[in-house]
Amino acid sequence: MLPKRERPERNSASALAGVFAALGDDTRLRLVSRLCDEGPMSIKRLSTGSDMTRQAITKHLRVMEGAGLIRNKRKGRESCWELDRRRLRQIRRYLAAISRQWDEALGRLRKFVEE
């Protein structure tokens, strides 16, 4: 069993549920990917090359903002969207803890079967 400080807590899971729900949409995943690859971008840049309207993209960005994945910063008259790296690190740590739990459970099962 993982030490208490490494175990994902129920509150953490609840807090991160919105993140996983937001990432459950392929359009939002593509937007996150672009923001990862290209850095902060305006709606104009995010909509370039897309068949989606700026309003549709804004709707997706607002969902991700609500989940804490991205944030909006003003640059003059333009809004610039960027990833919240702290939130991504938090998600990565949570998934790593779950992975360790699965590895430990599978190890116990293997030991049980081999005995």
PDB file of N, CA and C in Angstrom:
ATOM      1  N   MET A   1       0.842  -1.189   0.000  1.00  0.00           N
ATOM      2  CA  MET A   1       0.000   0.000   0.000  1.00  0.00           C
ATOM      3  C   MET A   1       0.886   1.251   0.000  1.00  0.00           C
ATOM      4  N   LEU A   2       0.464   2.259  -0.733  1.00  0.00           N
ATOM      5  CA  LEU A   2       1.239   3.496  -0.818  1.00  0.00           C
ATOM      6  C   LEU A   2       1.162   4.269   0.491  1.00  0.00           C
ATOM      7  N   PRO A   3       2.254   4.963   0.849  1.00  0.00           N
ATOM      8  CA  PRO A   3       2.179   5.852   2.011  1.00  0.00           C
ATOM      9  C   PRO A   3       1.071   6.873   1.786  1.00  0.00           C
ATOM     10  N   LYS A   4       0.475   7.335   2.880  1.00  0.00           N
ATOM     11  CA  LYS A   4      -0.667   8.236   2.793  1.00  0.00           C
ATOM     12  C   LYS A   4      -0.381   9.452   1.920  1.00  0.00           C
ATOM     13  N   ARG A   5       0.815  10.037   2.019  1.00  0.00           N
ATOM     14  CA  ARG A   5       1.100  11.241   1.244  1.00  0.00           C
ATOM     15  C   ARG A   5       1.158  10.973  -0.254  1.00  0.00           C
ATOM     16  N   GLU A   6       1.337   9.715  -0.688  1.00  0.00           N
ATOM     17  CA  GLU A   6       1.417   9.394  -2.110  1.00  0.00           C
ATOM     18  C   GLU A   6       0.096   8.873  -2.671  1.00  0.00           C
ATOM     19  N   ARG A   7      -0.830   8.515  -1.786  1.00  0.00           N
ATOM     20  CA  ARG A   7      -2.109   7.989  -2.259  1.00  0.00           C
ATOM     21  C   ARG A   7      -2.992   9.120  -2.760  1.00  0.00           C
ATOM     22  N   PRO A   8      -3.651   8.916  -3.907  1.00  0.00           N
ATOM     23  CA  PRO A   8      -4.606   9.939  -4.344  1.00  0.00           C
ATOM     24  C   PRO A   8      -5.785   9.957  -3.381  1.00  0.00           C
ATOM     25  N   GLU A   9      -6.109  11.101  -2.861  1.00  0.00           N
ATOM     26  CA  GLU A   9      -7.209  11.226  -1.916  1.00  0.00           C
ATOM     27  C   GLU A   9      -8.527  11.412  -2.646  1.00  0.00           C
ATOM     28  N   ARG A  10      -9.587  11.111  -1.950  1.00  0.00           N
ATOM     29  CA  ARG A  10     -10.921  11.247  -2.529  1.00  0.00           C
ATOM     30  C   ARG A  10     -11.163  12.678  -3.007  1.00  0.00           C
ATOM     31  N   ASN A  11     -10.758  13.650  -2.210  1.00  0.00           N
ATOM     32  CA  ASN A  11     -10.932  15.047  -2.613  1.00  0.00           C
ATOM     33  C   ASN A  11     -10.148  15.350  -3.876  1.00  0.00           C
ATOM     34  N   SER A  12      -8.965  14.777  -4.003  1.00  0.00           N
ATOM     35  CA  SER A  12      -8.177  14.989  -5.212  1.00  0.00           C
ATOM     36  C   SER A  12      -8.913  14.434  -6.419  1.00  0.00           C
ATOM     37  N   ALA A  13      -9.463  13.247  -6.263  1.00  0.00           N
ATOM     38  CA  ALA A  13     -10.191  12.636  -7.377  1.00  0.00           C
ATOM     39  C   ALA A  13     -11.390  13.493  -7.756  1.00  0.00           C
ATOM     40  N   SER A  14     -12.104  13.977  -6.762  1.00  0.00           N
ATOM     41  CA  SER A  14     -13.260  14.833  -7.042  1.00  0.00           C
ATOM     42  C   SER A  14     -12.832  16.117  -7.718  1.00  0.00           C
ATOM     43  N   ALA A  15     -11.740  16.673  -7.227  1.00  0.00           N
ATOM     44  CA  ALA A  15     -11.255  17.934  -7.793  1.00  0.00           C
ATOM     45  C   ALA A  15     -10.779  17.755  -9.228  1.00  0.00           C
ATOM     46  N   LEU A  16     -10.236  16.586  -9.548  1.00  0.00           N
ATOM     47  CA  LEU A  16      -9.703  16.351 -10.884  1.00  0.00           C
ATOM     48  C   LEU A  16     -10.729  15.777 -11.855  1.00  0.00           C
ATOM     49  N   ALA A  17     -11.886  15.394 -11.373  1.00  0.00           N
ATOM     50  CA  ALA A  17     -12.908  14.810 -12.251  1.00  0.00           C
ATOM     51  C   ALA A  17     -13.279  15.770 -13.382  1.00  0.00           C
ATOM     52  N   GLY A  18     -13.372  17.047 -13.071  1.00  0.00           N
ATOM     53  CA  GLY A  18     -13.704  18.040 -14.088  1.00  0.00           C
ATOM     54  C   GLY A  18     -12.633  18.148 -15.160  1.00  0.00           C
ATOM     55  N   VAL A  19     -11.384  17.934 -14.762  1.00  0.00           N
ATOM     56  CA  VAL A  19     -10.281  17.970 -15.724  1.00  0.00           C
ATOM     57  C   VAL A  19     -10.426  16.828 -16.718  1.00  0.00           C
ATOM     58  N   PHE A  20     -10.670  15.622 -16.192  1.00  0.00           N
ATOM     59  CA  PHE A  20     -10.796  14.469 -17.080  1.00  0.00           C
ATOM     60  C   PHE A  20     -12.046  14.579 -17.953  1.00  0.00           C
ATOM     61  N   ALA A  21     -13.105  15.153 -17.413  1.00  0.00           N
ATOM     62  CA  ALA A  21     -14.309  15.372 -18.225  1.00  0.00           C
ATOM     63  C   ALA A  21     -14.013  16.370 -19.346  1.00  0.00           C
ATOM     64  N   ALA A  22     -13.279  17.426 -19.019  1.00  0.00           N
ATOM     65  CA  ALA A  22     -12.937  18.432 -20.036  1.00  0.00           C
ATOM     66  C   ALA A  22     -12.050  17.833 -21.123  1.00  0.00           C
ATOM     67  N   LEU A  23     -11.162  16.933 -20.748  1.00  0.00           N
ATOM     68  CA  LEU A  23     -10.263  16.325 -21.722  1.00  0.00           C
ATOM     69  C   LEU A  23     -10.917  15.184 -22.491  1.00  0.00           C
ATOM     70  N   GLY A  24     -12.147  14.855 -22.136  1.00  0.00           N
ATOM     71  CA  GLY A  24     -12.859  13.774 -22.809  1.00  0.00           C
ATOM     72  C   GLY A  24     -13.426  14.160 -24.165  1.00  0.00           C
ATOM     73  N   ASP A  25     -13.154  15.348 -24.610  1.00  0.00           N
ATOM     74  CA  ASP A  25     -13.646  15.839 -25.896  1.00  0.00           C
ATOM     75  C   ASP A  25     -12.456  16.000 -26.846  1.00  0.00           C
ATOM     76  N   ASP A  26     -12.571  15.446 -28.045  1.00  0.00           N
ATOM     77  CA  ASP A  26     -11.432  15.480 -28.967  1.00  0.00           C
ATOM     78  C   ASP A  26     -11.045  16.897 -29.393  1.00  0.00           C
ATOM     79  N   THR A  27     -12.007  17.785 -29.507  1.00  0.00           N
ATOM     80  CA  THR A  27     -11.698  19.175 -29.868  1.00  0.00           C
ATOM     81  C   THR A  27     -10.865  19.819 -28.769  1.00  0.00           C
ATOM     82  N   ARG A  28     -11.246  19.607 -27.525  1.00  0.00           N
ATOM     83  CA  ARG A  28     -10.494  20.189 -26.416  1.00  0.00           C
ATOM     84  C   ARG A  28      -9.100  19.566 -26.306  1.00  0.00           C
ATOM     85  N   LEU A  29      -9.007  18.274 -26.586  1.00  0.00           N
ATOM     86  CA  LEU A  29      -7.684  17.638 -26.581  1.00  0.00           C
ATOM     87  C   LEU A  29      -6.778  18.258 -27.645  1.00  0.00           C
ATOM     88  N   ARG A  30      -7.342  18.527 -28.809  1.00  0.00           N
ATOM     89  CA  ARG A  30      -6.549  19.169 -29.879  1.00  0.00           C
ATOM     90  C   ARG A  30      -6.111  20.573 -29.459  1.00  0.00           C
ATOM     91  N   LEU A  31      -7.003  21.307 -28.810  1.00  0.00           N
ATOM     92  CA  LEU A  31      -6.649  22.650 -28.343  1.00  0.00           C
ATOM     93  C   LEU A  31      -5.535  22.584 -27.296  1.00  0.00           C
ATOM     94  N   VAL A  32      -5.631  21.651 -26.368  1.00  0.00           N
ATOM     95  CA  VAL A  32      -4.582  21.488 -25.356  1.00  0.00           C
ATOM     96  C   VAL A  32      -3.266  21.126 -26.024  1.00  0.00           C
ATOM     97  N   SER A  33      -3.326  20.245 -26.996  1.00  0.00           N
ATOM     98  CA  SER A  33      -2.119  19.848 -27.718  1.00  0.00           C
ATOM     99  C   SER A  33      -1.466  21.041 -28.398  1.00  0.00           C
ATOM    100  N   ARG A  34      -2.275  21.864 -29.030  1.00  0.00           N
ATOM    101  CA  ARG A  34      -1.723  23.059 -29.698  1.00  0.00           C
ATOM    102  C   ARG A  34      -1.106  24.008 -28.695  1.00  0.00           C
ATOM    103  N   LEU A  35      -1.773  24.202 -27.565  1.00  0.00           N
ATOM    104  CA  LEU A  35      -1.237  25.091 -26.543  1.00  0.00           C
ATOM    105  C   LEU A  35       0.065  24.534 -25.959  1.00  0.00           C
ATOM    106  N   CYS A  36       0.143  23.212 -25.849  1.00  0.00           N
ATOM    107  CA  CYS A  36       1.395  22.574 -25.391  1.00  0.00           C
ATOM    108  C   CYS A  36       2.514  22.805 -26.396  1.00  0.00           C
ATOM    109  N   ASP A  37       2.213  22.587 -27.654  1.00  0.00           N
ATOM    110  CA  ASP A  37       3.231  22.669 -28.707  1.00  0.00           C
ATOM    111  C   ASP A  37       3.633  24.099 -29.046  1.00  0.00           C
ATOM    112  N   GLU A  38       2.651  24.995 -29.082  1.00  0.00           N
ATOM    113  CA  GLU A  38       2.904  26.335 -29.600  1.00  0.00           C
ATOM    114  C   GLU A  38       2.901  27.433 -28.547  1.00  0.00           C
ATOM    115  N   GLY A  39       2.542  27.095 -27.318  1.00  0.00           N
ATOM    116  CA  GLY A  39       2.521  28.099 -26.258  1.00  0.00           C
ATOM    117  C   GLY A  39       1.241  28.917 -26.281  1.00  0.00           C
ATOM    118  N   PRO A  40       1.194  29.983 -25.475  1.00  0.00           N
ATOM    119  CA  PRO A  40      -0.010  30.825 -25.371  1.00  0.00           C
ATOM    120  C   PRO A  40      -0.448  31.356 -26.735  1.00  0.00           C
ATOM    121  N   MET A  41      -1.770  31.357 -26.942  1.00  0.00           N
ATOM    122  CA  MET A  41      -2.319  31.813 -28.229  1.00  0.00           C
ATOM    123  C   MET A  41      -3.626  32.558 -28.029  1.00  0.00           C
ATOM    124  N   SER A  42      -3.893  33.424 -28.974  1.00  0.00           N
ATOM    125  CA  SER A  42      -5.164  34.143 -29.018  1.00  0.00           C
ATOM    126  C   SER A  42      -6.217  33.264 -29.691  1.00  0.00           C
ATOM    127  N   ILE A  43      -7.472  33.669 -29.560  1.00  0.00           N
ATOM    128  CA  ILE A  43      -8.567  32.972 -30.238  1.00  0.00           C
ATOM    129  C   ILE A  43      -8.329  32.990 -31.746  1.00  0.00           C
ATOM    130  N   LYS A  44      -7.845  34.114 -32.236  1.00  0.00           N
ATOM    131  CA  LYS A  44      -7.597  34.237 -33.677  1.00  0.00           C
ATOM    132  C   LYS A  44      -6.610  33.163 -34.140  1.00  0.00           C
ATOM    133  N   ARG A  45      -5.502  33.006 -33.422  1.00  0.00           N
ATOM    134  CA  ARG A  45      -4.519  31.989 -33.798  1.00  0.00           C
ATOM    135  C   ARG A  45      -5.069  30.580 -33.609  1.00  0.00           C
ATOM    136  N   LEU A  46      -5.817  30.370 -32.523  1.00  0.00           N
ATOM    137  CA  LEU A  46      -6.382  29.039 -32.282  1.00  0.00           C
ATOM    138  C   LEU A  46      -7.390  28.645 -33.355  1.00  0.00           C
ATOM    139  N   SER A  47      -8.088  29.623 -33.912  1.00  0.00           N
ATOM    140  CA  SER A  47      -9.103  29.310 -34.922  1.00  0.00           C
ATOM    141  C   SER A  47      -8.538  29.216 -36.334  1.00  0.00           C
ATOM    142  N   THR A  48      -7.309  29.681 -36.531  1.00  0.00           N
ATOM    143  CA  THR A  48      -6.676  29.601 -37.853  1.00  0.00           C
ATOM    144  C   THR A  48      -6.518  28.145 -38.264  1.00  0.00           C
ATOM    145  N   GLY A  49      -7.004  27.834 -39.467  1.00  0.00           N
ATOM    146  CA  GLY A  49      -6.906  26.474 -39.978  1.00  0.00           C
ATOM    147  C   GLY A  49      -7.975  25.533 -39.449  1.00  0.00           C
ATOM    148  N   SER A  50      -8.895  26.063 -38.693  1.00  0.00           N
ATOM    149  CA  SER A  50      -9.968  25.239 -38.134  1.00  0.00           C
ATOM    150  C   SER A  50     -11.280  25.545 -38.850  1.00  0.00           C
ATOM    151  N   ASP A  51     -12.140  24.556 -38.899  1.00  0.00           N
ATOM    152  CA  ASP A  51     -13.462  24.791 -39.482  1.00  0.00           C
ATOM    153  C   ASP A  51     -14.456  25.250 -38.418  1.00  0.00           C
ATOM    154  N   MET A  52     -13.964  25.462 -37.208  1.00  0.00           N
ATOM    155  CA  MET A  52     -14.830  25.918 -36.116  1.00  0.00           C
ATOM    156  C   MET A  52     -14.820  27.437 -36.034  1.00  0.00           C
ATOM    157  N   THR A  53     -15.924  27.978 -35.573  1.00  0.00           N
ATOM    158  CA  THR A  53     -16.004  29.424 -35.376  1.00  0.00           C
ATOM    159  C   THR A  53     -15.234  29.809 -34.110  1.00  0.00           C
ATOM    160  N   ARG A  54     -14.914  31.071 -34.012  1.00  0.00           N
ATOM    161  CA  ARG A  54     -14.240  31.566 -32.802  1.00  0.00           C
ATOM    162  C   ARG A  54     -15.133  31.367 -31.583  1.00  0.00           C
ATOM    163  N   GLN A  55     -16.441  31.531 -31.773  1.00  0.00           N
ATOM    164  CA  GLN A  55     -17.374  31.347 -30.660  1.00  0.00           C
ATOM    165  C   GLN A  55     -17.357  29.903 -30.159  1.00  0.00           C
ATOM    166  N   ALA A  56     -17.280  28.949 -31.078  1.00  0.00           N
ATOM    167  CA  ALA A  56     -17.241  27.532 -30.692  1.00  0.00           C
ATOM    168  C   ALA A  56     -15.946  27.220 -29.947  1.00  0.00           C
ATOM    169  N   ILE A  57     -14.848  27.761 -30.445  1.00  0.00           N
ATOM    170  CA  ILE A  57     -13.567  27.540 -29.782  1.00  0.00           C
ATOM    171  C   ILE A  57     -13.579  28.185 -28.396  1.00  0.00           C
ATOM    172  N   THR A  58     -14.139  29.378 -28.294  1.00  0.00           N
ATOM    173  CA  THR A  58     -14.239  30.052 -26.998  1.00  0.00           C
ATOM    174  C   THR A  58     -15.029  29.215 -26.010  1.00  0.00           C
ATOM    175  N   LYS A  59     -16.098  28.593 -26.470  1.00  0.00           N
ATOM    176  CA  LYS A  59     -16.912  27.737 -25.593  1.00  0.00           C
ATOM    177  C   LYS A  59     -16.051  26.596 -25.028  1.00  0.00           C
ATOM    178  N   HIS A  60     -15.262  25.972 -25.871  1.00  0.00           N
ATOM    179  CA  HIS A  60     -14.385  24.888 -25.414  1.00  0.00           C
ATOM    180  C   HIS A  60     -13.317  25.413 -24.450  1.00  0.00           C
ATOM    181  N   LEU A  61     -12.775  26.574 -24.744  1.00  0.00           N
ATOM    182  CA  LEU A  61     -11.767  27.158 -23.865  1.00  0.00           C
ATOM    183  C   LEU A  61     -12.349  27.470 -22.491  1.00  0.00           C
ATOM    184  N   ARG A  62     -13.568  27.936 -22.454  1.00  0.00           N
ATOM    185  CA  ARG A  62     -14.223  28.248 -21.165  1.00  0.00           C
ATOM    186  C   ARG A  62     -14.427  26.978 -20.329  1.00  0.00           C
ATOM    187  N   VAL A  63     -14.757  25.872 -20.977  1.00  0.00           N
ATOM    188  CA  VAL A  63     -14.901  24.599 -20.259  1.00  0.00           C
ATOM    189  C   VAL A  63     -13.568  24.213 -19.626  1.00  0.00           C
ATOM    190  N   MET A  64     -12.496  24.333 -20.413  1.00  0.00           N
ATOM    191  CA  MET A  64     -11.170  23.978 -19.893  1.00  0.00           C
ATOM    192  C   MET A  64     -10.702  24.956 -18.818  1.00  0.00           C
ATOM    193  N   GLU A  65     -11.080  26.214 -18.964  1.00  0.00           N
ATOM    194  CA  GLU A  65     -10.748  27.205 -17.938  1.00  0.00           C
ATOM    195  C   GLU A  65     -11.463  26.855 -16.635  1.00  0.00           C
ATOM    196  N   GLY A  66     -12.722  26.458 -16.734  1.00  0.00           N
ATOM    197  CA  GLY A  66     -13.488  26.069 -15.556  1.00  0.00           C
ATOM    198  C   GLY A  66     -12.903  24.857 -14.843  1.00  0.00           C
ATOM    199  N   ALA A  67     -12.245  23.984 -15.607  1.00  0.00           N
ATOM    200  CA  ALA A  67     -11.609  22.796 -15.034  1.00  0.00           C
ATOM    201  C   ALA A  67     -10.207  23.107 -14.513  1.00  0.00           C
ATOM    202  N   GLY A  68      -9.736  24.325 -14.746  1.00  0.00           N
ATOM    203  CA  GLY A  68      -8.424  24.724 -14.260  1.00  0.00           C
ATOM    204  C   GLY A  68      -7.271  24.322 -15.158  1.00  0.00           C
ATOM    205  N   LEU A  69      -7.572  23.889 -16.370  1.00  0.00           N
ATOM    206  CA  LEU A  69      -6.513  23.470 -17.296  1.00  0.00           C
ATOM    207  C   LEU A  69      -5.794  24.640 -17.957  1.00  0.00           C
ATOM    208  N   ILE A  70      -6.535  25.684 -18.244  1.00  0.00           N
ATOM    209  CA  ILE A  70      -5.972  26.838 -18.942  1.00  0.00           C
ATOM    210  C   ILE A  70      -6.416  28.108 -18.242  1.00  0.00           C
ATOM    211  N   ARG A  71      -5.751  29.189 -18.594  1.00  0.00           N
ATOM    212  CA  ARG A  71      -6.158  30.495 -18.069  1.00  0.00           C
ATOM    213  C   ARG A  71      -6.058  31.526 -19.181  1.00  0.00           C
ATOM    214  N   ASN A  72      -6.788  32.587 -18.985  1.00  0.00           N
ATOM    215  CA  ASN A  72      -6.891  33.653 -19.968  1.00  0.00           C
ATOM    216  C   ASN A  72      -6.150  34.876 -19.450  1.00  0.00           C
ATOM    217  N   LYS A  73      -5.265  35.405 -20.263  1.00  0.00           N
ATOM    218  CA  LYS A  73      -4.565  36.634 -19.909  1.00  0.00           C
ATOM    219  C   LYS A  73      -4.795  37.640 -21.020  1.00  0.00           C
ATOM    220  N   ARG A  74      -4.997  38.870 -20.617  1.00  0.00           N
ATOM    221  CA  ARG A  74      -5.199  39.937 -21.598  1.00  0.00           C
ATOM    222  C   ARG A  74      -3.847  40.490 -22.041  1.00  0.00           C
ATOM    223  N   LYS A  75      -3.719  40.660 -23.346  1.00  0.00           N
ATOM    224  CA  LYS A  75      -2.562  41.344 -23.934  1.00  0.00           C
ATOM    225  C   LYS A  75      -3.134  42.454 -24.795  1.00  0.00           C
ATOM    226  N   GLY A  76      -3.205  43.620 -24.223  1.00  0.00           N
ATOM    227  CA  GLY A  76      -3.840  44.728 -24.944  1.00  0.00           C
ATOM    228  C   GLY A  76      -5.315  44.435 -25.133  1.00  0.00           C
ATOM    229  N   ARG A  77      -5.760  44.428 -26.368  1.00  0.00           N
ATOM    230  CA  ARG A  77      -7.163  44.152 -26.672  1.00  0.00           C
ATOM    231  C   ARG A  77      -7.423  42.668 -26.871  1.00  0.00           C
ATOM    232  N   GLU A  78      -6.361  41.884 -26.915  1.00  0.00           N
ATOM    233  CA  GLU A  78      -6.492  40.462 -27.209  1.00  0.00           C
ATOM    234  C   GLU A  78      -6.448  39.622 -25.942  1.00  0.00           C
ATOM    235  N   SER A  79      -7.230  38.547 -25.961  1.00  0.00           N
ATOM    236  CA  SER A  79      -7.153  37.551 -24.911  1.00  0.00           C
ATOM    237  C   SER A  79      -6.184  36.473 -25.359  1.00  0.00           C
ATOM    238  N   CYS A  80      -5.310  36.091 -24.463  1.00  0.00           N
ATOM    239  CA  CYS A  80      -4.327  35.064 -24.774  1.00  0.00           C
ATOM    240  C   CYS A  80      -4.547  33.888 -23.824  1.00  0.00           C
ATOM    241  N   TRP A  81      -4.671  32.700 -24.372  1.00  0.00           N
ATOM    242  CA  TRP A  81      -4.942  31.498 -23.586  1.00  0.00           C
ATOM    243  C   TRP A  81      -3.655  30.706 -23.414  1.00  0.00           C
ATOM    244  N   GLU A  82      -3.436  30.223 -22.180  1.00  0.00           N
ATOM    245  CA  GLU A  82      -2.257  29.415 -21.907  1.00  0.00           C
ATOM    246  C   GLU A  82      -2.591  28.290 -20.944  1.00  0.00           C
ATOM    247  N   LEU A  83      -1.799  27.235 -21.020  1.00  0.00           N
ATOM    248  CA  LEU A  83      -1.986  26.098 -20.134  1.00  0.00           C
ATOM    249  C   LEU A  83      -1.546  26.449 -18.727  1.00  0.00           C
ATOM    250  N   ASP A  84      -2.214  25.849 -17.754  1.00  0.00           N
ATOM    251  CA  ASP A  84      -1.803  25.977 -16.361  1.00  0.00           C
ATOM    252  C   ASP A  84      -0.892  24.791 -16.063  1.00  0.00           C
ATOM    253  N   ARG A  85       0.390  25.006 -16.128  1.00  0.00           N
ATOM    254  CA  ARG A  85       1.380  23.929 -15.965  1.00  0.00           C
ATOM    255  C   ARG A  85       1.283  23.273 -14.582  1.00  0.00           C
ATOM    256  N   ARG A  86       0.937  24.068 -13.564  1.00  0.00           N
ATOM    257  CA  ARG A  86       0.789  23.483 -12.217  1.00  0.00           C
ATOM    258  C   ARG A  86      -0.305  22.435 -12.211  1.00  0.00           C
ATOM    259  N   ARG A  87      -1.404  22.732 -12.864  1.00  0.00           N
ATOM    260  CA  ARG A  87      -2.528  21.791 -12.910  1.00  0.00           C
ATOM    261  C   ARG A  87      -2.127  20.522 -13.663  1.00  0.00           C
ATOM    262  N   LEU A  88      -1.390  20.679 -14.749  1.00  0.00           N
ATOM    263  CA  LEU A  88      -0.935  19.515 -15.508  1.00  0.00           C
ATOM    264  C   LEU A  88      -0.001  18.646 -14.672  1.00  0.00           C
ATOM    265  N   ARG A  89       0.881  19.282 -13.886  1.00  0.00           N
ATOM    266  CA  ARG A  89       1.765  18.511 -12.998  1.00  0.00           C
ATOM    267  C   ARG A  89       0.955  17.774 -11.936  1.00  0.00           C
ATOM    268  N   GLN A  90      -0.083  18.411 -11.425  1.00  0.00           N
ATOM    269  CA  GLN A  90      -0.952  17.781 -10.432  1.00  0.00           C
ATOM    270  C   GLN A  90      -1.636  16.545 -11.029  1.00  0.00           C
ATOM    271  N   ILE A  91      -2.101  16.660 -12.242  1.00  0.00           N
ATOM    272  CA  ILE A  91      -2.745  15.532 -12.921  1.00  0.00           C
ATOM    273  C   ILE A  91      -1.740  14.410 -13.139  1.00  0.00           C
ATOM    274  N   ARG A  92      -0.548  14.774 -13.575  1.00  0.00           N
ATOM    275  CA  ARG A  92       0.499  13.772 -13.806  1.00  0.00           C
ATOM    276  C   ARG A  92       0.827  13.022 -12.514  1.00  0.00           C
ATOM    277  N   ARG A  93       0.948  13.740 -11.394  1.00  0.00           N
ATOM    278  CA  ARG A  93       1.230  13.084 -10.109  1.00  0.00           C
ATOM    279  C   ARG A  93       0.097  12.150  -9.709  1.00  0.00           C
ATOM    280  N   TYR A  94      -1.131  12.584  -9.932  1.00  0.00           N
ATOM    281  CA  TYR A  94      -2.292  11.766  -9.590  1.00  0.00           C
ATOM    282  C   TYR A  94      -2.299  10.472 -10.406  1.00  0.00           C
ATOM    283  N   LEU A  95      -2.059  10.584 -11.703  1.00  0.00           N
ATOM    284  CA  LEU A  95      -2.034   9.399 -12.567  1.00  0.00           C
ATOM    285  C   LEU A  95      -0.866   8.479 -12.212  1.00  0.00           C
ATOM    286  N   ALA A  96       0.266   9.055 -11.831  1.00  0.00           N
ATOM    287  CA  ALA A  96       1.415   8.238 -11.418  1.00  0.00           C
ATOM    288  C   ALA A  96       1.089   7.462 -10.147  1.00  0.00           C
ATOM    289  N   ALA A  97       0.383   8.088  -9.206  1.00  0.00           N
ATOM    290  CA  ALA A  97      -0.004   7.402  -7.969  1.00  0.00           C
ATOM    291  C   ALA A  97      -0.960   6.249  -8.270  1.00  0.00           C
ATOM    292  N   ILE A  98      -1.900   6.470  -9.164  1.00  0.00           N
ATOM    293  CA  ILE A  98      -2.829   5.401  -9.550  1.00  0.00           C
ATOM    294  C   ILE A  98      -2.066   4.273 -10.234  1.00  0.00           C
ATOM    295  N   SER A  99      -1.116   4.618 -11.076  1.00  0.00           N
ATOM    296  CA  SER A  99      -0.314   3.613 -11.763  1.00  0.00           C
ATOM    297  C   SER A  99       0.463   2.761 -10.758  1.00  0.00           C
ATOM    298  N   ARG A 100       1.050   3.410  -9.743  1.00  0.00           N
ATOM    299  CA  ARG A 100       1.772   2.657  -8.711  1.00  0.00           C
ATOM    300  C   ARG A 100       0.829   1.719  -7.965  1.00  0.00           C
ATOM    301  N   GLN A 101      -0.374   2.187  -7.684  1.00  0.00           N
ATOM    302  CA  GLN A 101      -1.347   1.335  -6.994  1.00  0.00           C
ATOM    303  C   GLN A 101      -1.683   0.101  -7.829  1.00  0.00           C
ATOM    304  N   TRP A 102      -1.880   0.293  -9.113  1.00  0.00           N
ATOM    305  CA  TRP A 102      -2.173  -0.838 -10.003  1.00  0.00           C
ATOM    306  C   TRP A 102      -0.992  -1.802 -10.057  1.00  0.00           C
ATOM    307  N   ASP A 103       0.220  -1.258 -10.156  1.00  0.00           N
ATOM    308  CA  ASP A 103       1.403  -2.111 -10.185  1.00  0.00           C
ATOM    309  C   ASP A 103       1.502  -2.947  -8.918  1.00  0.00           C
ATOM    310  N   GLU A 104       1.229  -2.318  -7.777  1.00  0.00           N
ATOM    311  CA  GLU A 104       1.278  -3.044  -6.504  1.00  0.00           C
ATOM    312  C   GLU A 104       0.185  -4.115  -6.443  1.00  0.00           C
ATOM    313  N   ALA A 105      -1.010  -3.773  -6.895  1.00  0.00           N
ATOM    314  CA  ALA A 105      -2.113  -4.740  -6.879  1.00  0.00           C
ATOM    315  C   ALA A 105      -1.804  -5.921  -7.795  1.00  0.00           C
ATOM    316  N   LEU A 106      -1.259  -5.646  -8.959  1.00  0.00           N
ATOM    317  CA  LEU A 106      -0.896  -6.731  -9.877  1.00  0.00           C
ATOM    318  C   LEU A 106       0.234  -7.587  -9.300  1.00  0.00           C
ATOM    319  N   GLY A 107       1.158  -6.958  -8.607  1.00  0.00           N
ATOM    320  CA  GLY A 107       2.229  -7.700  -7.954  1.00  0.00           C
ATOM    321  C   GLY A 107       1.689  -8.630  -6.881  1.00  0.00           C
ATOM    322  N   ARG A 108       0.738  -8.137  -6.089  1.00  0.00           N
ATOM    323  CA  ARG A 108       0.113  -8.990  -5.063  1.00  0.00           C
ATOM    324  C   ARG A 108      -0.655 -10.129  -5.696  1.00  0.00           C
ATOM    325  N   LEU A 109      -1.355  -9.858  -6.803  1.00  0.00           N
ATOM    326  CA  LEU A 109      -2.099 -10.911  -7.489  1.00  0.00           C
ATOM    327  C   LEU A 109      -1.150 -11.959  -8.050  1.00  0.00           C
ATOM    328  N   ARG A 110      -0.057 -11.517  -8.657  1.00  0.00           N
ATOM    329  CA  ARG A 110       0.915 -12.466  -9.203  1.00  0.00           C
ATOM    330  C   ARG A 110       1.495 -13.346  -8.094  1.00  0.00           C
ATOM    331  N   LYS A 111       1.822 -12.724  -6.967  1.00  0.00           N
ATOM    332  CA  LYS A 111       2.363 -13.463  -5.829  1.00  0.00           C
ATOM    333  C   LYS A 111       1.355 -14.497  -5.330  1.00  0.00           C
ATOM    334  N   PHE A 112       0.096 -14.101  -5.247  1.00  0.00           N
ATOM    335  CA  PHE A 112      -0.968 -14.987  -4.787  1.00  0.00           C
ATOM    336  C   PHE A 112      -1.117 -16.179  -5.747  1.00  0.00           C
ATOM    337  N   VAL A 113      -1.126 -15.910  -7.038  1.00  0.00           N
ATOM    338  CA  VAL A 113      -1.310 -16.959  -8.042  1.00  0.00           C
ATOM    339  C   VAL A 113      -0.116 -17.918  -8.040  1.00  0.00           C
ATOM    340  N   GLU A 114       1.086 -17.382  -7.874  1.00  0.00           N
ATOM    341  CA  GLU A 114       2.283 -18.211  -7.899  1.00  0.00           C
ATOM    342  C   GLU A 114       2.413 -19.093  -6.655  1.00  0.00           C
ATOM    343  N   GLU A 115       1.805 -18.661  -5.567  1.00  0.00           N
ATOM    344  CA  GLU A 115       1.866 -19.465  -4.334  1.00  0.00           C
ATOM    345  C   GLU A 115       0.893 -20.556  -4.416  1.00  0.00           C
TER     346      GLU A 115
END
